[in-house]
């Protein structure tokens, strides 16, 4: 089966993960969630013009993998401090699906997961 990139997943069409920031990962038991500061494109319904001094429109969102059957997390998370004092763990450099498996990779590490289709939640439920 061919590789399918994240922007081809329903609900992910109007975000740009390569310049978004990972703020945290929760992977335990039946929960796999990634909290991100997502870059929204102009076609996203929540898009607003960037704030002064910012290049993009950012929104906190959660990527949730419903009912994960199995996953492997290689955690390399090291905090990166922004000029404004904020902390993140880098970008999502790759997010794709090949056959039944999703694969995400970035400075923060990598995750391979078998799950139902991931959901991007704007009312993020991270760590709840």
N, C-alpha and C. Protein backbone atom coordinates (compact mmCIF):
# COMPACT_ATOMS: atom_id res chain seq x y z
N UNK A 1 0.85 -1.19 0.00
CA UNK A 1 0.00 0.00 0.00
C UNK A 1 0.89 1.25 0.00
N UNK A 2 0.45 2.27 -0.68
CA UNK A 2 1.21 3.51 -0.78
C UNK A 2 1.16 4.29 0.53
N UNK A 3 2.15 5.11 0.73
CA UNK A 3 2.19 5.98 1.91
C UNK A 3 1.18 7.11 1.75
N UNK A 4 0.43 7.36 2.82
CA UNK A 4 -0.53 8.46 2.85
C UNK A 4 -0.02 9.49 3.85
N UNK A 5 0.13 10.73 3.43
CA UNK A 5 0.63 11.80 4.30
C UNK A 5 -0.50 12.42 5.12
N UNK A 6 -0.14 13.03 6.25
CA UNK A 6 -1.12 13.54 7.21
C UNK A 6 -2.13 14.50 6.60
N UNK A 7 -1.73 15.33 5.66
CA UNK A 7 -2.65 16.32 5.10
C UNK A 7 -3.74 15.66 4.25
N UNK A 8 -3.62 14.35 4.04
CA UNK A 8 -4.66 13.60 3.33
C UNK A 8 -5.66 12.96 4.31
N UNK A 9 -5.40 13.03 5.62
CA UNK A 9 -6.32 12.51 6.62
C UNK A 9 -7.46 13.52 6.82
N UNK A 10 -8.70 13.04 6.98
CA UNK A 10 -9.81 13.97 7.24
C UNK A 10 -9.54 14.81 8.50
N UNK A 11 -9.71 16.12 8.36
CA UNK A 11 -9.51 17.04 9.48
C UNK A 11 -8.11 17.62 9.58
N UNK A 12 -7.16 17.07 8.82
CA UNK A 12 -5.77 17.53 8.88
C UNK A 12 -5.38 18.35 7.64
N UNK A 13 -6.34 18.59 6.75
CA UNK A 13 -6.05 19.24 5.47
C UNK A 13 -5.53 20.66 5.61
N UNK A 14 -5.95 21.37 6.64
CA UNK A 14 -5.65 22.80 6.74
C UNK A 14 -4.75 23.15 7.92
N UNK A 15 -3.83 22.21 8.24
CA UNK A 15 -2.79 22.52 9.23
C UNK A 15 -1.45 22.20 8.59
N UNK A 16 -0.41 22.78 9.17
CA UNK A 16 0.95 22.58 8.66
C UNK A 16 1.82 22.15 9.83
N UNK A 17 2.05 20.83 9.96
CA UNK A 17 2.75 20.30 11.12
C UNK A 17 4.25 20.58 11.13
N UNK A 18 4.85 20.74 9.97
CA UNK A 18 6.30 20.92 9.93
C UNK A 18 6.76 22.19 10.65
N UNK A 19 5.88 23.17 10.80
CA UNK A 19 6.20 24.38 11.57
C UNK A 19 5.38 24.50 12.85
N UNK A 20 4.64 23.45 13.17
CA UNK A 20 3.90 23.38 14.44
C UNK A 20 4.85 22.87 15.52
N UNK A 21 4.47 23.02 16.78
CA UNK A 21 5.34 22.61 17.88
C UNK A 21 4.69 21.55 18.75
N UNK A 22 5.45 20.53 19.11
CA UNK A 22 4.98 19.51 20.04
C UNK A 22 5.15 20.07 21.45
N UNK A 23 4.06 20.08 22.22
CA UNK A 23 4.09 20.59 23.59
C UNK A 23 4.08 19.47 24.63
N UNK A 24 3.68 18.27 24.20
CA UNK A 24 3.65 17.14 25.12
C UNK A 24 3.11 15.91 24.43
N UNK A 25 3.43 14.75 25.00
CA UNK A 25 2.94 13.48 24.48
C UNK A 25 2.46 12.65 25.65
N UNK A 26 1.27 12.09 25.49
CA UNK A 26 0.73 11.16 26.48
C UNK A 26 0.52 9.83 25.78
N UNK A 27 1.28 8.84 26.17
CA UNK A 27 1.17 7.51 25.59
C UNK A 27 1.23 6.50 26.72
N UNK A 28 0.05 6.11 27.19
CA UNK A 28 -0.01 5.12 28.26
C UNK A 28 -1.34 4.40 28.18
N UNK A 29 -1.31 3.10 28.34
CA UNK A 29 -2.54 2.32 28.28
C UNK A 29 -3.24 2.48 26.96
N UNK A 30 -4.51 2.86 27.01
CA UNK A 30 -5.31 2.99 25.79
C UNK A 30 -5.39 4.43 25.30
N UNK A 31 -4.45 5.26 25.71
CA UNK A 31 -4.45 6.67 25.31
C UNK A 31 -3.13 7.02 24.63
N UNK A 32 -3.24 7.57 23.42
CA UNK A 32 -2.09 8.16 22.75
C UNK A 32 -2.55 9.51 22.22
N UNK A 33 -2.00 10.57 22.80
CA UNK A 33 -2.35 11.94 22.41
C UNK A 33 -1.08 12.78 22.32
N UNK A 34 -1.09 13.69 21.36
CA UNK A 34 0.03 14.61 21.19
C UNK A 34 -0.53 16.03 21.23
N UNK A 35 -0.11 16.80 22.20
CA UNK A 35 -0.52 18.20 22.30
C UNK A 35 0.42 19.02 21.42
N UNK A 36 -0.17 19.83 20.54
CA UNK A 36 0.64 20.64 19.63
C UNK A 36 0.17 22.09 19.63
N UNK A 37 1.07 22.95 19.27
CA UNK A 37 0.75 24.33 18.92
C UNK A 37 0.73 24.30 17.39
N UNK A 38 -0.46 24.11 16.82
CA UNK A 38 -0.61 23.86 15.39
C UNK A 38 -0.60 25.14 14.57
N UNK A 39 0.02 25.07 13.41
CA UNK A 39 -0.05 26.14 12.43
C UNK A 39 -1.29 25.88 11.58
N UNK A 40 -2.20 26.86 11.56
CA UNK A 40 -3.42 26.75 10.75
C UNK A 40 -3.22 27.50 9.45
N UNK A 41 -3.65 26.89 8.35
CA UNK A 41 -3.60 27.59 7.07
C UNK A 41 -4.83 28.48 6.94
N UNK A 42 -4.82 29.34 5.96
CA UNK A 42 -5.91 30.30 5.77
C UNK A 42 -7.25 29.62 5.51
N UNK A 43 -7.26 28.38 5.09
CA UNK A 43 -8.51 27.67 4.81
C UNK A 43 -9.10 26.98 6.04
N UNK A 44 -8.38 26.99 7.16
CA UNK A 44 -8.89 26.36 8.38
C UNK A 44 -9.99 27.25 8.97
N UNK A 45 -11.09 26.65 9.45
CA UNK A 45 -12.20 27.46 10.00
C UNK A 45 -11.83 28.30 11.22
N UNK A 46 -10.77 27.93 11.96
CA UNK A 46 -10.35 28.71 13.14
C UNK A 46 -9.24 29.71 12.83
N UNK A 47 -8.87 29.81 11.56
CA UNK A 47 -7.77 30.70 11.17
C UNK A 47 -8.10 32.16 11.49
N UNK A 48 -7.11 32.85 12.01
CA UNK A 48 -7.14 34.30 12.17
C UNK A 48 -5.77 34.81 11.71
N UNK A 49 -5.67 36.07 11.35
CA UNK A 49 -4.34 36.58 10.97
C UNK A 49 -3.34 36.38 12.11
N UNK A 50 -2.07 36.14 11.78
CA UNK A 50 -1.06 35.94 12.82
C UNK A 50 -0.98 37.12 13.78
N UNK A 51 -0.67 36.84 15.02
CA UNK A 51 -0.47 37.89 16.01
C UNK A 51 0.77 38.70 15.65
N UNK A 52 0.88 39.93 16.13
CA UNK A 52 2.08 40.72 15.85
C UNK A 52 3.34 39.96 16.26
N UNK A 53 4.32 39.93 15.38
CA UNK A 53 5.58 39.26 15.66
C UNK A 53 5.56 37.77 15.36
N UNK A 54 4.42 37.23 14.94
CA UNK A 54 4.35 35.80 14.60
C UNK A 54 4.16 35.63 13.10
N UNK A 55 4.69 34.54 12.59
CA UNK A 55 4.62 34.27 11.16
C UNK A 55 3.32 33.56 10.78
N UNK A 56 2.76 32.78 11.73
CA UNK A 56 1.60 31.95 11.44
C UNK A 56 0.49 32.17 12.47
N UNK A 57 -0.68 31.62 12.15
CA UNK A 57 -1.78 31.51 13.11
C UNK A 57 -1.57 30.20 13.86
N UNK A 58 -1.40 30.27 15.16
CA UNK A 58 -1.17 29.09 15.99
C UNK A 58 -2.39 28.82 16.87
N UNK A 59 -2.70 27.53 17.10
CA UNK A 59 -3.76 27.12 18.03
C UNK A 59 -3.31 25.85 18.73
N UNK A 60 -3.58 25.77 20.03
CA UNK A 60 -3.32 24.53 20.75
C UNK A 60 -4.36 23.50 20.32
N UNK A 61 -3.88 22.33 19.95
CA UNK A 61 -4.76 21.25 19.50
C UNK A 61 -4.17 19.92 19.97
N UNK A 62 -4.98 18.90 19.91
CA UNK A 62 -4.53 17.56 20.28
C UNK A 62 -4.74 16.61 19.11
N UNK A 63 -3.70 15.86 18.80
CA UNK A 63 -3.84 14.75 17.86
C UNK A 63 -4.12 13.53 18.71
N UNK A 64 -5.29 12.94 18.54
CA UNK A 64 -5.70 11.80 19.35
C UNK A 64 -5.81 10.56 18.47
N UNK A 65 -5.22 9.47 18.93
CA UNK A 65 -5.31 8.19 18.24
C UNK A 65 -6.32 7.32 18.99
N UNK A 66 -7.54 7.17 18.45
CA UNK A 66 -8.58 6.41 19.15
C UNK A 66 -8.28 4.91 19.17
N UNK A 67 -8.51 4.32 20.29
CA UNK A 67 -8.39 2.87 20.49
C UNK A 67 -7.12 2.29 19.88
N UNK A 68 -5.97 2.75 20.33
CA UNK A 68 -4.72 2.19 19.79
C UNK A 68 -4.60 0.72 20.14
N UNK A 69 -4.28 -0.09 19.14
CA UNK A 69 -4.08 -1.52 19.37
C UNK A 69 -2.68 -1.78 19.89
N UNK A 70 -1.72 -1.06 19.34
CA UNK A 70 -0.35 -1.15 19.83
C UNK A 70 0.42 0.08 19.37
N UNK A 71 1.46 0.43 20.12
CA UNK A 71 2.30 1.55 19.72
C UNK A 71 3.70 1.37 20.29
N UNK A 72 4.64 2.01 19.65
CA UNK A 72 6.02 2.06 20.12
C UNK A 72 6.42 3.53 20.12
N UNK A 73 6.86 4.01 21.27
CA UNK A 73 7.31 5.40 21.41
C UNK A 73 8.79 5.40 21.73
N UNK A 74 9.56 6.04 20.88
CA UNK A 74 10.98 6.29 21.16
C UNK A 74 11.05 7.74 21.59
N UNK A 75 11.21 7.96 22.88
CA UNK A 75 11.13 9.30 23.47
C UNK A 75 12.52 9.92 23.53
N UNK A 76 12.69 11.03 22.84
CA UNK A 76 13.94 11.79 22.88
C UNK A 76 13.66 13.22 23.31
N UNK A 77 12.59 13.41 24.07
CA UNK A 77 12.11 14.75 24.37
C UNK A 77 13.13 15.54 25.22
N UNK A 78 13.55 16.64 24.64
CA UNK A 78 14.40 17.60 25.34
C UNK A 78 13.77 18.97 25.11
N UNK A 79 13.54 19.67 26.18
CA UNK A 79 12.86 20.96 26.10
C UNK A 79 13.69 21.96 25.29
N UNK A 80 13.00 22.69 24.43
CA UNK A 80 13.60 23.75 23.64
C UNK A 80 12.94 25.05 24.10
N UNK A 81 13.73 25.99 24.56
CA UNK A 81 13.19 27.26 25.05
C UNK A 81 13.10 28.27 23.92
N UNK A 82 11.93 28.90 23.81
CA UNK A 82 11.74 29.95 22.82
C UNK A 82 12.24 31.28 23.35
N UNK A 83 12.33 32.24 22.47
CA UNK A 83 12.78 33.59 22.85
C UNK A 83 11.86 34.18 23.91
N UNK A 84 10.56 33.84 23.83
CA UNK A 84 9.57 34.38 24.76
C UNK A 84 9.49 33.58 26.06
N UNK A 85 10.35 32.58 26.23
CA UNK A 85 10.35 31.76 27.44
C UNK A 85 9.48 30.52 27.36
N UNK A 86 8.76 30.36 26.24
CA UNK A 86 7.93 29.16 26.07
C UNK A 86 8.81 27.94 25.85
N UNK A 87 8.24 26.77 26.14
CA UNK A 87 8.98 25.52 25.97
C UNK A 87 8.20 24.60 25.04
N UNK A 88 8.93 23.98 24.12
CA UNK A 88 8.34 22.96 23.26
C UNK A 88 9.39 21.88 23.03
N UNK A 89 9.02 20.87 22.24
CA UNK A 89 9.90 19.73 22.00
C UNK A 89 10.21 19.55 20.52
N UNK A 90 10.03 20.59 19.74
CA UNK A 90 10.34 20.54 18.32
C UNK A 90 9.10 20.29 17.47
N UNK A 91 9.34 20.06 16.19
CA UNK A 91 8.27 19.91 15.21
C UNK A 91 7.95 18.44 14.93
N UNK A 92 6.86 18.23 14.23
CA UNK A 92 6.56 16.92 13.66
C UNK A 92 7.07 16.98 12.23
N UNK A 93 8.17 16.32 11.99
CA UNK A 93 8.81 16.38 10.69
C UNK A 93 8.21 15.40 9.70
N UNK A 94 7.60 14.33 10.23
CA UNK A 94 6.97 13.33 9.36
C UNK A 94 5.76 12.75 10.08
N UNK A 95 4.66 12.61 9.37
CA UNK A 95 3.44 11.99 9.88
C UNK A 95 2.74 11.35 8.69
N UNK A 96 2.73 10.04 8.66
CA UNK A 96 2.16 9.34 7.52
C UNK A 96 1.58 8.00 7.96
N UNK A 97 0.89 7.36 7.03
CA UNK A 97 0.35 6.03 7.27
C UNK A 97 0.78 5.13 6.13
N UNK A 98 1.20 3.94 6.49
CA UNK A 98 1.59 2.94 5.52
C UNK A 98 0.88 1.66 5.92
N UNK A 99 -0.03 1.19 5.11
CA UNK A 99 -0.86 0.02 5.42
C UNK A 99 -1.71 0.34 6.64
N UNK A 100 -1.52 -0.35 7.77
CA UNK A 100 -2.33 -0.10 8.98
C UNK A 100 -1.59 0.73 10.02
N UNK A 101 -0.37 1.11 9.74
CA UNK A 101 0.50 1.71 10.75
C UNK A 101 0.72 3.20 10.50
N UNK A 102 0.58 4.00 11.56
CA UNK A 102 0.90 5.43 11.49
C UNK A 102 2.32 5.61 12.00
N UNK A 103 3.01 6.58 11.42
CA UNK A 103 4.38 6.86 11.82
C UNK A 103 4.55 8.36 11.96
N UNK A 104 5.07 8.79 13.13
CA UNK A 104 5.37 10.20 13.39
C UNK A 104 6.81 10.29 13.85
N UNK A 105 7.50 11.35 13.40
CA UNK A 105 8.90 11.53 13.77
C UNK A 105 9.21 13.01 13.89
N UNK A 106 10.11 13.34 14.81
CA UNK A 106 10.58 14.71 14.98
C UNK A 106 11.71 14.73 15.99
N UNK A 107 12.14 15.93 16.37
CA UNK A 107 13.21 16.07 17.37
C UNK A 107 12.83 15.41 18.68
N UNK A 108 11.55 15.33 18.99
CA UNK A 108 11.01 14.77 20.23
C UNK A 108 11.10 13.25 20.26
N UNK A 109 11.29 12.60 19.12
CA UNK A 109 11.36 11.14 19.05
C UNK A 109 10.53 10.63 17.90
N UNK A 110 9.98 9.43 18.07
CA UNK A 110 9.13 8.87 17.03
C UNK A 110 8.11 7.91 17.63
N UNK A 111 6.98 7.79 16.94
CA UNK A 111 5.91 6.89 17.35
C UNK A 111 5.48 6.09 16.13
N UNK A 112 5.35 4.79 16.34
CA UNK A 112 4.72 3.90 15.37
C UNK A 112 3.49 3.37 16.07
N UNK A 113 2.32 3.46 15.42
CA UNK A 113 1.07 3.13 16.10
C UNK A 113 0.07 2.49 15.14
N UNK A 114 -0.62 1.50 15.65
CA UNK A 114 -1.76 0.92 14.95
C UNK A 114 -2.99 1.40 15.70
N UNK A 115 -3.87 2.10 14.99
CA UNK A 115 -5.00 2.77 15.62
C UNK A 115 -6.06 3.03 14.56
N UNK A 116 -7.26 3.39 15.02
CA UNK A 116 -8.23 3.95 14.10
C UNK A 116 -7.69 5.29 13.61
N UNK A 117 -8.37 5.87 12.64
CA UNK A 117 -7.96 7.14 12.06
C UNK A 117 -7.75 8.20 13.14
N UNK A 118 -6.60 8.90 13.15
CA UNK A 118 -6.38 9.93 14.17
C UNK A 118 -7.35 11.09 14.00
N UNK A 119 -7.59 11.76 15.12
CA UNK A 119 -8.53 12.89 15.16
C UNK A 119 -7.78 14.12 15.64
N UNK A 120 -7.98 15.24 14.97
CA UNK A 120 -7.40 16.51 15.40
C UNK A 120 -8.48 17.26 16.16
N UNK A 121 -8.21 17.52 17.43
CA UNK A 121 -9.21 18.15 18.30
C UNK A 121 -8.79 19.56 18.64
N UNK A 122 -9.68 20.52 18.32
CA UNK A 122 -9.36 21.91 18.64
C UNK A 122 -9.68 22.24 20.09
N UNK A 123 -10.61 21.53 20.69
CA UNK A 123 -10.87 21.68 22.12
C UNK A 123 -10.08 20.55 22.79
N UNK A 124 -8.79 20.76 22.85
CA UNK A 124 -7.88 19.69 23.23
C UNK A 124 -8.18 19.12 24.61
N UNK A 125 -8.06 17.78 24.69
CA UNK A 125 -8.38 17.05 25.92
C UNK A 125 -7.13 16.50 26.58
N UNK A 126 -6.00 17.06 26.23
CA UNK A 126 -4.72 16.51 26.65
C UNK A 126 -4.65 16.32 28.18
N UNK A 127 -4.25 15.15 28.56
CA UNK A 127 -4.04 14.76 29.96
C UNK A 127 -5.31 14.82 30.81
N UNK A 128 -6.46 14.72 30.17
CA UNK A 128 -7.71 14.70 30.94
C UNK A 128 -8.21 13.28 31.03
